[in-house]
Amino acid sequence: MRILIVDDEVIIRTGLCTVIDWKELGMELLPPASSAEEALARIPEEKPHILLTDIRMSGMDGIELAHKVRAMLPDTEVVILTGYDDFTYAQQALREGVTDYLLKTSRPEEIIKAALKAKQRILEKWEALKQENVQTAALRSQLLERLITQGLEQESVHEQLLVWFCKNGLQQAQKETAPMQVMLVSALGWGDKPLARLLLGAAENILFELLPTVTLLKKDRLVLVLPAASGMADREMLERALLRVEQTLKCTVYAAVGCSVNDYGELKMSYLEAEHVFTFRGLVGERGLYTIEEVKDRKGGRTVCSQKEEAELSAILMSNNPTELRHWVNQKVRSQMENDTVTAVSLQAFLQSILLSGHRWLERACTGTGDNSGTQDHGRSQPASHIFTWESPGQPEEDVFRLLSGMMSAYHESLAESKFSYIQKSIAYIKANLDQNLSLQQVAQFVHLNPNHFSEVFKRRPDLTISSL
């Protein structure tokens, strides 16, 4: 906090500068001024927070100085220090917003007390202003979110939003509304969630400096309202801004742009289109600027596993082969992601179908062994109602593999605890292949037993008959 002393008496100036330790009081002492005119010339650049000035000086007096300073810097605290105990001067000083009036005969501690009171008043103003700015920003964000998600009528757009749009170069006051569009931006590359939030905030600051925009920071993306791009030059400007974010923050940026609209009430339309384009992140690419033109021909890929694929998956899960499972999942998922007709909705449905196939195998395998408690245990660990959700971009094959591998491991671990686990495993194998002509040798080979030994053990289990399978 800066303080400026103004007095035409050198002794007073020197005394006030040396007797009081202003640094100790948390104030930066500016070089003192010998006249009001000198002070006025320096104030626009030095911007003191507290002005300690004499009243009677050669040339302009302290009252007039206070009046001019308040016009330039309304929040500056002015403290009068004078050798004249004159009530008329005090009245004039109060009218000019002077916050304290001291005599030069005052002790140093009284001057310190007045300066600290002025400092406290400034701190309170700063805090009030900070709170007001926070509240205003929060209100603007709420209004902007309502505007783009609910599609308010233009007549009901709050005055604060209109001022905000004009202030940031999207619109011009008292003129017809210029075309606008919504752009959604994601930035990835800083790892965990707290850092991801910081990354988005940093990206917001850069884009705000480079583009005429108002911004809204949501959970995993930025929402920007921009002047509508009217040609390649405008698109290149947006791409340069996104590239600056990537280069500065060492991250990957994906942006989706909505359609151009001509008034505030239509911003919802632009936002919804941008949201649609945004869902293709990871399918059309993980970085770059995309519009509806790049995704309009994608109508959706297949959404259900074939019977052949379900049979393949069942065989792999029964064989308890994690390497083969990973290869199968990777091949199925990547082939869908690389399909140029796929949408986020169709991909998610297909991944869900794979998991449901795994759940059906698990239910058949558990009921095939006659182990009802095992079915219940597996049901708790892997509920059939599990809904797969994919948050692009990423590697959904990793999530699918993890869930299927969990089913496979849990089932085979429960079998290992049983005395006749190979019998249970063979029954599950037979159940899963009822459409085939299985031989004793094939089943015995599956559980790695000699066919004769397997047959003898099977016969010693009176609870197991052909009719029970």
Protein backbone atom coordinates (compact mmCIF):
# COMPACT_ATOMS: atom_id res chain seq x y z
CA MET A 1 0.00 0.00 0.00
CA ARG A 2 1.51 3.32 -1.10
CA ILE A 3 1.49 6.61 0.83
CA LEU A 4 2.44 10.07 -0.50
CA ILE A 5 3.34 13.00 1.76
CA VAL A 6 2.71 16.50 0.36
CA ASP A 7 4.06 19.57 2.19
CA ASP A 8 5.91 22.70 1.10
CA GLU A 9 7.98 22.77 4.31
CA VAL A 10 11.10 20.64 3.94
CA ILE A 11 11.38 20.10 7.71
CA ILE A 12 7.87 18.62 7.89
CA ARG A 13 8.43 16.43 4.84
CA THR A 14 11.74 15.12 6.16
CA GLY A 15 10.39 14.59 9.66
CA LEU A 16 7.36 12.60 8.53
CA CYS A 17 9.56 10.46 6.29
CA THR A 18 12.20 9.66 8.92
CA VAL A 19 10.44 9.67 12.30
CA ILE A 20 7.82 7.10 11.30
CA ASP A 21 8.81 3.63 10.05
CA TRP A 22 6.27 3.35 7.26
CA LYS A 23 7.61 0.01 6.06
CA GLU A 24 6.94 -1.42 9.50
CA LEU A 25 3.33 -0.29 9.10
CA GLY A 26 3.05 -2.20 5.81
CA MET A 27 3.23 0.88 3.61
CA GLU A 28 5.49 1.90 0.77
CA LEU A 29 6.61 5.54 1.24
CA LEU A 30 6.70 7.34 -2.09
CA PRO A 31 9.17 10.23 -2.52
CA PRO A 32 7.47 13.25 -0.84
CA ALA A 33 6.09 16.11 -2.97
CA SER A 34 6.91 19.76 -2.20
CA SER A 35 3.70 21.12 -3.71
CA ALA A 36 0.18 20.16 -4.72
CA GLU A 37 1.11 20.75 -8.36
CA GLU A 38 3.99 18.27 -8.14
CA ALA A 39 1.74 15.74 -6.45
CA LEU A 40 -0.93 16.06 -9.15
CA ALA A 41 1.66 15.51 -11.86
CA ARG A 42 2.88 12.29 -10.24
CA ILE A 43 -0.37 10.81 -8.91
CA PRO A 44 -1.68 9.37 -12.23
CA GLU A 45 1.44 7.22 -12.54
CA GLU A 46 2.28 6.48 -8.89
CA LYS A 47 -1.35 6.01 -7.74
CA PRO A 48 -0.94 6.45 -3.97
CA HIS A 49 -3.54 4.80 -1.76
CA ILE A 50 -3.09 7.31 1.07
CA LEU A 51 -2.37 11.03 0.69
CA LEU A 52 -1.02 12.90 3.73
CA THR A 53 -1.10 16.59 2.86
CA ASP A 54 -0.83 20.08 4.33
CA ILE A 55 -3.66 22.56 3.75
CA ARG A 56 -1.88 25.88 3.33
CA MET A 57 0.81 25.64 0.70
CA SER A 58 2.16 28.04 -1.90
CA GLY A 59 0.10 27.65 -5.04
CA MET A 60 -2.75 25.13 -4.81
CA ASP A 61 -3.90 24.36 -1.25
CA GLY A 62 -4.60 20.95 0.27
CA ILE A 63 -8.39 21.25 0.01
CA GLU A 64 -8.26 21.77 -3.75
CA LEU A 65 -5.67 18.98 -4.04
CA ALA A 66 -8.01 16.63 -2.18
CA HIS A 67 -10.84 17.58 -4.56
CA LYS A 68 -8.74 16.83 -7.66
CA VAL A 69 -7.31 13.60 -6.26
CA ARG A 70 -10.76 12.29 -5.41
CA ALA A 71 -11.81 12.97 -9.00
CA MET A 72 -8.84 10.97 -10.34
CA LEU A 73 -8.67 8.21 -7.71
CA PRO A 74 -11.98 8.03 -5.81
CA ASP A 75 -10.77 5.37 -3.41
CA THR A 76 -7.69 7.29 -2.25
CA GLU A 77 -7.77 8.13 1.46
CA VAL A 78 -6.82 11.78 2.15
CA VAL A 79 -5.51 12.77 5.59
CA ILE A 80 -5.03 16.49 6.30
CA LEU A 81 -2.10 17.51 8.45
CA THR A 82 -2.13 21.24 9.19
CA GLY A 83 -0.77 23.84 11.55
CA TYR A 84 -4.12 25.65 11.68
CA ASP A 85 -6.86 24.59 14.05
CA ASP A 86 -9.58 26.19 11.99
CA PHE A 87 -13.13 24.83 12.04
CA THR A 88 -13.86 26.28 8.59
CA TYR A 89 -10.95 24.34 7.12
CA ALA A 90 -12.21 21.18 8.80
CA GLN A 91 -15.67 21.66 7.29
CA GLN A 92 -14.22 22.19 3.81
CA ALA A 93 -12.02 19.13 4.22
CA LEU A 94 -14.99 16.95 5.17
CA ARG A 95 -16.95 18.18 2.16
CA GLU A 96 -14.07 17.08 -0.10
CA GLY A 97 -14.07 13.59 1.38
CA VAL A 98 -11.05 14.01 3.64
CA THR A 99 -11.10 11.09 6.07
CA ASP A 100 -9.01 12.56 8.90
CA TYR A 101 -7.85 15.99 10.08
CA LEU A 102 -4.73 16.30 12.25
CA LEU A 103 -2.65 19.15 13.58
CA LYS A 104 1.07 19.23 12.93
CA THR A 105 1.48 19.37 16.69
CA SER A 106 0.06 15.82 16.86
CA ARG A 107 2.37 13.19 18.32
CA PRO A 108 3.82 10.54 15.93
CA GLU A 109 1.59 7.85 17.41
CA GLU A 110 -1.50 9.93 16.54
CA ILE A 111 -0.31 10.27 12.94
CA ILE A 112 0.42 6.54 12.83
CA LYS A 113 -3.05 5.81 14.20
CA ALA A 114 -4.66 8.00 11.50
CA ALA A 115 -2.59 6.33 8.77
CA LEU A 116 -3.52 2.85 10.01
CA LYS A 117 -7.19 3.81 10.13
CA ALA A 118 -6.93 4.97 6.51
CA LYS A 119 -5.18 1.71 5.60
CA GLN A 120 -7.92 -0.32 7.28
CA ARG A 121 -10.64 1.55 5.41
CA ILE A 122 -8.88 0.81 2.11
CA LEU A 123 -8.55 -2.88 2.97
CA GLU A 124 -12.25 -3.02 3.78
CA LYS A 125 -13.06 -1.37 0.44
CA TRP A 126 -10.86 -3.90 -1.36
CA GLU A 127 -12.51 -6.81 0.38
CA ALA A 128 -15.99 -5.45 -0.36
CA LEU A 129 -15.03 -4.94 -4.00
CA LYS A 130 -13.58 -8.44 -4.18
CA GLN A 131 -16.78 -9.93 -2.80
CA GLU A 132 -18.86 -7.84 -5.16
CA ASN A 133 -16.75 -8.98 -8.12
CA VAL A 134 -17.06 -12.62 -7.06
CA GLN A 135 -20.82 -12.29 -6.70
CA THR A 136 -21.12 -10.46 -10.02
CA ALA A 137 -19.01 -13.10 -11.79
CA ALA A 138 -21.08 -15.89 -10.23
CA LEU A 139 -24.32 -14.17 -11.28
CA ARG A 140 -23.03 -13.67 -14.81
CA SER A 141 -22.01 -17.34 -15.01
CA GLN A 142 -25.44 -18.46 -13.79
CA LEU A 143 -27.18 -16.20 -16.28
CA LEU A 144 -24.94 -17.36 -19.13
CA GLU A 145 -25.54 -21.01 -18.28
CA ARG A 146 -29.29 -20.41 -18.22
CA LEU A 147 -29.05 -18.56 -21.52
CA ILE A 148 -27.25 -21.34 -23.38
CA THR A 149 -29.08 -24.29 -21.78
CA GLN A 150 -32.62 -22.93 -21.48
CA GLY A 151 -32.75 -20.56 -24.44
CA LEU A 152 -34.09 -17.43 -22.76
CA GLU A 153 -35.98 -14.98 -24.90
CA GLN A 154 -33.79 -12.09 -26.02
CA GLU A 155 -36.01 -9.58 -24.21
CA SER A 156 -35.37 -11.34 -20.90
CA VAL A 157 -31.59 -11.38 -21.18
CA HIS A 158 -30.27 -9.76 -18.04
CA GLU A 159 -28.68 -6.32 -18.37
CA GLN A 160 -25.47 -7.63 -16.78
CA LEU A 161 -25.05 -10.11 -19.63
CA LEU A 162 -25.55 -7.43 -22.24
CA VAL A 163 -22.92 -5.22 -20.58
CA TRP A 164 -20.58 -8.22 -20.29
CA PHE A 165 -20.97 -9.12 -23.96
CA CYS A 166 -20.30 -5.53 -25.05
CA LYS A 167 -17.35 -5.12 -22.70
CA ASN A 168 -15.64 -8.22 -24.09
CA GLY A 169 -16.05 -7.32 -27.75
CA LEU A 170 -18.84 -9.73 -28.77
CA GLN A 171 -21.38 -7.01 -29.32
CA GLN A 172 -21.50 -3.25 -29.73
CA ALA A 173 -23.71 -1.17 -27.48
CA GLN A 174 -26.88 0.28 -28.98
CA LYS A 175 -26.42 -1.72 -32.20
CA GLU A 176 -28.14 -4.69 -33.78
CA THR A 177 -27.05 -8.05 -32.35
CA ALA A 178 -24.08 -9.48 -34.25
CA PRO A 179 -23.92 -13.23 -35.12
CA MET A 180 -22.50 -15.43 -32.34
CA GLN A 181 -21.63 -19.08 -31.80
CA VAL A 182 -20.74 -21.38 -28.92
CA MET A 183 -17.44 -23.26 -28.72
CA LEU A 184 -16.71 -26.06 -26.22
CA VAL A 185 -13.08 -26.70 -25.33
CA SER A 186 -11.41 -29.53 -23.40
CA ALA A 187 -7.76 -29.62 -22.39
CA LEU A 188 -5.99 -32.81 -21.30
CA GLY A 189 -2.47 -33.64 -20.27
CA TRP A 190 -1.95 -32.69 -16.64
CA GLY A 191 -3.04 -35.96 -15.11
CA ASP A 192 -5.26 -36.11 -12.02
CA LYS A 193 -8.56 -34.29 -11.54
CA PRO A 194 -7.39 -31.35 -9.37
CA LEU A 195 -4.68 -30.52 -11.92
CA ALA A 196 -7.17 -30.97 -14.77
CA ARG A 197 -9.30 -28.23 -13.24
CA LEU A 198 -6.26 -25.95 -13.00
CA LEU A 199 -5.41 -26.72 -16.63
CA LEU A 200 -8.88 -25.67 -17.78
CA GLY A 201 -8.61 -22.46 -15.77
CA ALA A 202 -5.25 -21.66 -17.33
CA ALA A 203 -6.64 -22.38 -20.81
CA GLU A 204 -9.58 -20.07 -20.08
CA ASN A 205 -7.20 -17.21 -19.20
CA ILE A 206 -5.21 -17.63 -22.42
CA LEU A 207 -8.26 -17.81 -24.67
CA PHE A 208 -9.80 -14.80 -22.92
CA GLU A 209 -6.68 -12.80 -23.74
CA LEU A 210 -6.58 -13.93 -27.39
CA LEU A 211 -10.24 -13.86 -28.40
CA PRO A 212 -13.25 -11.57 -28.04
CA THR A 213 -15.29 -13.89 -25.82
CA VAL A 214 -17.21 -14.51 -22.64
CA THR A 215 -16.42 -17.79 -20.92
CA LEU A 216 -18.02 -20.27 -18.56
CA LEU A 217 -15.91 -22.89 -16.77
CA LYS A 218 -17.82 -26.16 -16.38
CA LYS A 219 -16.71 -29.44 -14.84
CA ASP A 220 -14.71 -30.91 -17.72
CA ARG A 221 -14.85 -28.23 -20.41
CA LEU A 222 -14.88 -24.55 -21.21
CA VAL A 223 -17.88 -22.89 -22.80
CA LEU A 224 -17.05 -19.85 -24.93
CA VAL A 225 -19.46 -17.52 -26.70
CA LEU A 226 -17.66 -15.95 -29.66
CA PRO A 227 -18.40 -13.76 -32.66
CA ALA A 228 -19.47 -16.19 -35.39
CA ALA A 229 -16.65 -17.30 -37.72
CA SER A 230 -17.51 -16.07 -41.19
CA GLY A 231 -14.75 -17.71 -43.21
CA MET A 232 -11.41 -19.51 -43.26
CA ALA A 233 -9.62 -16.50 -41.77
CA ASP A 234 -11.82 -16.62 -38.68
CA ARG A 235 -11.39 -20.38 -38.35
CA GLU A 236 -7.62 -19.99 -38.62
CA MET A 237 -7.74 -17.39 -35.84
CA LEU A 238 -9.53 -19.88 -33.58
CA GLU A 239 -7.08 -22.65 -34.50
CA ARG A 240 -4.12 -20.37 -33.72
CA ALA A 241 -5.59 -19.55 -30.33
CA LEU A 242 -6.09 -23.26 -29.53
CA LEU A 243 -2.54 -24.02 -30.69
CA ARG A 244 -1.23 -21.29 -28.37
CA VAL A 245 -2.99 -23.01 -25.48
CA GLU A 246 -1.40 -26.35 -26.39
CA GLN A 247 2.09 -24.91 -26.78
CA THR A 248 1.93 -22.79 -23.64
CA LEU A 249 0.37 -25.37 -21.32
CA LYS A 250 1.86 -28.53 -22.90
CA CYS A 251 -1.54 -30.17 -23.32
CA THR A 252 -3.96 -31.52 -25.93
CA VAL A 253 -6.95 -29.37 -26.88
CA TYR A 254 -10.18 -30.52 -28.51
CA ALA A 255 -12.78 -27.92 -29.53
CA ALA A 256 -16.32 -28.27 -30.88
CA VAL A 257 -18.06 -25.31 -32.51
CA GLY A 258 -21.83 -24.83 -32.79
CA CYS A 259 -23.81 -23.06 -35.48
CA SER A 260 -23.95 -19.29 -35.95
CA VAL A 261 -27.02 -17.58 -34.41
CA ASN A 262 -28.29 -14.03 -34.66
CA ASP A 263 -29.68 -13.32 -31.20
CA TYR A 264 -29.27 -14.31 -27.57
CA GLY A 265 -32.38 -16.45 -27.53
CA GLU A 266 -30.87 -18.80 -30.13
CA LEU A 267 -27.59 -19.44 -28.31
CA LYS A 268 -29.10 -22.66 -26.93
CA MET A 269 -29.25 -23.98 -30.52
CA SER A 270 -25.55 -23.28 -31.03
CA TYR A 271 -24.71 -24.83 -27.65
CA LEU A 272 -26.62 -28.05 -28.39
CA GLU A 273 -24.90 -28.43 -31.75
CA ALA A 274 -21.50 -27.89 -30.11
CA GLU A 275 -22.44 -30.50 -27.47
CA HIS A 276 -23.28 -32.98 -30.23
CA VAL A 277 -19.97 -32.39 -31.99
CA PHE A 278 -18.19 -32.62 -28.63
CA THR A 279 -19.41 -36.22 -28.12
CA PHE A 280 -17.20 -37.28 -31.04
CA ARG A 281 -14.03 -36.43 -29.14
CA GLY A 282 -11.81 -39.50 -29.41
CA LEU A 283 -13.71 -40.78 -32.46
CA VAL A 284 -12.90 -38.09 -35.02
CA GLY A 285 -9.72 -37.15 -33.15
CA GLU A 286 -8.37 -36.18 -29.75
CA ARG A 287 -7.24 -32.69 -30.73
CA GLY A 288 -8.26 -30.00 -33.17
CA LEU A 289 -11.26 -27.83 -34.05
CA TYR A 290 -14.42 -29.58 -35.28
CA THR A 291 -17.83 -28.49 -36.57
CA ILE A 292 -21.00 -30.32 -37.55
CA GLU A 293 -19.57 -30.71 -41.08
CA GLU A 294 -16.96 -33.20 -39.83
CA VAL A 295 -19.51 -35.48 -38.10
CA LYS A 296 -22.81 -35.04 -39.99
CA ASP A 297 -22.39 -38.28 -42.00
CA ARG A 298 -21.92 -40.46 -38.90
CA LYS A 299 -25.22 -42.27 -38.38
CA GLY A 300 -24.03 -44.88 -35.88
CA GLY A 301 -22.37 -48.29 -36.01
CA ARG A 302 -23.73 -51.60 -34.76
CA THR A 303 -24.88 -51.75 -31.17
CA VAL A 304 -25.11 -55.49 -30.37
CA CYS A 305 -22.64 -58.38 -30.21
CA SER A 306 -23.32 -61.19 -32.63
CA GLN A 307 -23.99 -64.74 -31.39
CA LYS A 308 -20.63 -65.76 -32.77
CA GLU A 309 -18.87 -63.01 -30.79
CA GLU A 310 -20.71 -63.97 -27.61
CA ALA A 311 -19.68 -67.61 -28.10
CA GLU A 312 -16.06 -66.52 -28.62
CA LEU A 313 -16.16 -64.44 -25.46
CA SER A 314 -17.72 -67.29 -23.43
CA ALA A 315 -14.98 -69.69 -24.54
CA ILE A 316 -12.25 -67.23 -23.61
CA LEU A 317 -13.77 -66.50 -20.19
CA MET A 318 -14.16 -70.22 -19.51
CA SER A 319 -10.53 -70.86 -20.51
CA ASN A 320 -9.34 -68.24 -17.99
CA ASN A 321 -6.87 -66.75 -20.46
CA PRO A 322 -6.29 -63.01 -19.71
CA THR A 323 -3.95 -62.56 -22.70
CA GLU A 324 -6.48 -63.93 -25.15
CA LEU A 325 -9.24 -61.88 -23.49
CA ARG A 326 -7.26 -58.66 -23.85
CA HIS A 327 -6.52 -59.38 -27.51
CA TRP A 328 -10.20 -60.14 -28.23
CA VAL A 329 -11.48 -57.02 -26.44
CA ASN A 330 -8.91 -54.76 -28.10
CA GLN A 331 -9.78 -56.08 -31.55
CA LYS A 332 -13.55 -55.69 -31.10
CA VAL A 333 -13.47 -52.23 -29.50
CA ARG A 334 -10.85 -50.68 -31.78
CA SER A 335 -12.61 -51.96 -34.91
CA GLN A 336 -15.71 -50.06 -33.79
CA MET A 337 -13.84 -46.88 -32.84
CA GLU A 338 -12.12 -46.81 -36.21
CA ASN A 339 -15.42 -47.22 -38.06
CA ASP A 340 -16.24 -43.87 -39.68
CA THR A 341 -19.99 -44.32 -39.08
CA VAL A 342 -19.76 -44.80 -35.32
CA THR A 343 -21.25 -42.32 -32.85
CA ALA A 344 -20.67 -42.08 -29.12
CA VAL A 345 -24.17 -43.50 -28.51
CA SER A 346 -23.71 -46.53 -30.78
CA LEU A 347 -20.24 -47.23 -29.40
CA GLN A 348 -21.47 -47.14 -25.81
CA ALA A 349 -24.34 -49.49 -26.68
CA PHE A 350 -21.92 -51.95 -28.32
CA LEU A 351 -19.60 -51.89 -25.29
CA GLN A 352 -22.58 -52.47 -23.02
CA SER A 353 -23.57 -55.44 -25.19
CA ILE A 354 -20.12 -56.99 -24.69
CA LEU A 355 -20.45 -56.66 -20.92
CA LEU A 356 -23.97 -58.13 -20.94
CA SER A 357 -22.56 -61.10 -22.86
CA GLY A 358 -20.02 -61.51 -20.08
CA HIS A 359 -22.76 -61.38 -17.43
CA ARG A 360 -24.79 -64.00 -19.27
CA TRP A 361 -21.75 -66.28 -19.36
CA LEU A 362 -21.22 -65.75 -15.65
CA GLU A 363 -24.82 -66.66 -14.83
CA ARG A 364 -24.70 -69.78 -17.01
CA ALA A 365 -21.36 -70.85 -15.56
CA CYS A 366 -22.52 -70.44 -11.96
CA THR A 367 -25.88 -72.15 -12.42
CA GLY A 368 -24.18 -74.88 -14.42
CA THR A 369 -22.15 -75.91 -11.37
CA GLY A 370 -25.20 -75.93 -9.12
CA ASP A 371 -23.43 -73.51 -6.78
CA ASN A 372 -26.17 -71.02 -5.89
CA SER A 373 -24.04 -69.23 -3.33
CA GLY A 374 -21.44 -68.63 -6.01
CA THR A 375 -24.08 -67.09 -8.25
CA GLN A 376 -25.06 -64.71 -5.50
CA ASP A 377 -21.45 -63.77 -4.79
CA HIS A 378 -20.77 -63.06 -8.45
CA GLY A 379 -24.01 -61.15 -8.70
CA ARG A 380 -22.91 -58.84 -5.91
CA SER A 381 -19.44 -58.24 -7.34
CA GLN A 382 -20.62 -57.83 -10.95
CA PRO A 383 -24.31 -56.83 -11.02
CA ALA A 384 -26.07 -57.59 -14.30
CA SER A 385 -27.55 -54.10 -14.17
CA HIS A 386 -24.12 -52.55 -14.56
CA ILE A 387 -24.28 -49.71 -17.08
CA PHE A 388 -21.10 -48.98 -18.96
CA THR A 389 -20.33 -45.31 -19.48
CA TRP A 390 -17.54 -44.08 -21.68
CA GLU A 391 -16.03 -40.67 -21.06
CA SER A 392 -14.15 -39.81 -24.23
CA PRO A 393 -11.40 -39.57 -25.08
CA GLY A 394 -9.57 -42.51 -23.66
CA GLN A 395 -9.19 -46.24 -24.15
CA PRO A 396 -12.58 -47.85 -23.51
CA GLU A 397 -11.05 -51.25 -24.24
CA GLU A 398 -9.15 -50.93 -20.95
CA ASP A 399 -12.39 -50.49 -19.00
CA VAL A 400 -14.14 -53.32 -20.82
CA PHE A 401 -11.17 -55.64 -20.28
CA ARG A 402 -11.00 -54.73 -16.59
CA LEU A 403 -14.68 -55.54 -16.03
CA LEU A 404 -14.62 -58.81 -17.99
CA SER A 405 -11.34 -59.85 -16.39
CA GLY A 406 -12.93 -59.26 -12.99
CA MET A 407 -15.80 -61.61 -13.83
CA MET A 408 -13.40 -64.25 -15.15
CA SER A 409 -11.03 -64.06 -12.18
CA ALA A 410 -13.77 -64.11 -9.55
CA TYR A 411 -15.41 -67.16 -11.11
CA HIS A 412 -12.21 -69.20 -11.49
CA GLU A 413 -10.97 -68.26 -8.03
CA SER A 414 -14.22 -69.57 -6.53
CA LEU A 415 -13.77 -72.80 -8.49
CA ALA A 416 -10.24 -73.25 -7.16
CA GLU A 417 -11.59 -73.34 -3.62
CA SER A 418 -13.80 -76.34 -4.44
CA LYS A 419 -12.60 -79.95 -3.98
CA PHE A 420 -14.00 -80.98 -7.36
CA SER A 421 -13.44 -77.74 -9.23
CA TYR A 422 -12.67 -79.52 -12.48
CA ILE A 423 -16.08 -81.24 -12.31
CA GLN A 424 -17.83 -77.87 -11.91
CA LYS A 425 -15.71 -76.42 -14.68
CA SER A 426 -16.51 -79.31 -17.02
CA ILE A 427 -20.25 -78.97 -16.34
CA ALA A 428 -20.09 -75.25 -17.12
CA TYR A 429 -18.17 -76.10 -20.31
CA ILE A 430 -20.82 -78.62 -21.38
CA LYS A 431 -23.60 -76.12 -20.62
CA ALA A 432 -21.89 -73.50 -22.73
CA ASN A 433 -21.53 -75.90 -25.68
CA LEU A 434 -24.86 -77.73 -25.77
CA ASP A 435 -25.11 -76.95 -29.47
CA GLN A 436 -22.03 -79.06 -30.19
CA ASN A 437 -21.44 -82.83 -30.26
CA LEU A 438 -19.00 -82.94 -27.34
CA SER A 439 -17.11 -86.14 -26.59
CA LEU A 440 -15.76 -87.33 -23.24
CA GLN A 441 -12.26 -86.76 -24.56
CA GLN A 442 -12.99 -83.15 -25.42
CA VAL A 443 -14.41 -82.35 -21.98
CA ALA A 444 -11.55 -84.17 -20.21
CA GLN A 445 -9.01 -82.35 -22.32
CA PHE A 446 -10.64 -79.03 -21.41
CA VAL A 447 -10.12 -79.69 -17.66
CA HIS A 448 -6.67 -81.29 -18.28
CA LEU A 449 -7.57 -84.77 -16.97
CA ASN A 450 -7.14 -88.31 -18.30
CA PRO A 451 -10.50 -89.31 -19.89
CA ASN A 452 -10.72 -92.58 -17.89
CA HIS A 453 -9.95 -90.88 -14.58
CA PHE A 454 -12.36 -88.08 -15.37
CA SER A 455 -15.12 -90.62 -16.13
CA GLU A 456 -14.52 -92.48 -12.83
CA VAL A 457 -14.61 -89.30 -10.75
CA PHE A 458 -17.75 -88.14 -12.55
CA LYS A 459 -19.48 -91.45 -11.75
CA ARG A 460 -18.59 -91.17 -8.05
CA ARG A 461 -20.70 -87.99 -7.81
CA PRO A 462 -24.26 -89.34 -7.33
CA ASP A 463 -25.63 -85.78 -7.45
CA LEU A 464 -24.44 -85.42 -11.06
CA THR A 465 -26.43 -87.15 -13.79
CA ILE A 466 -27.03 -86.46 -17.44
CA SER A 467 -30.54 -85.23 -16.59
CA SER A 468 -29.10 -82.68 -14.12
CA LEU A 469 -27.09 -81.00 -16.85
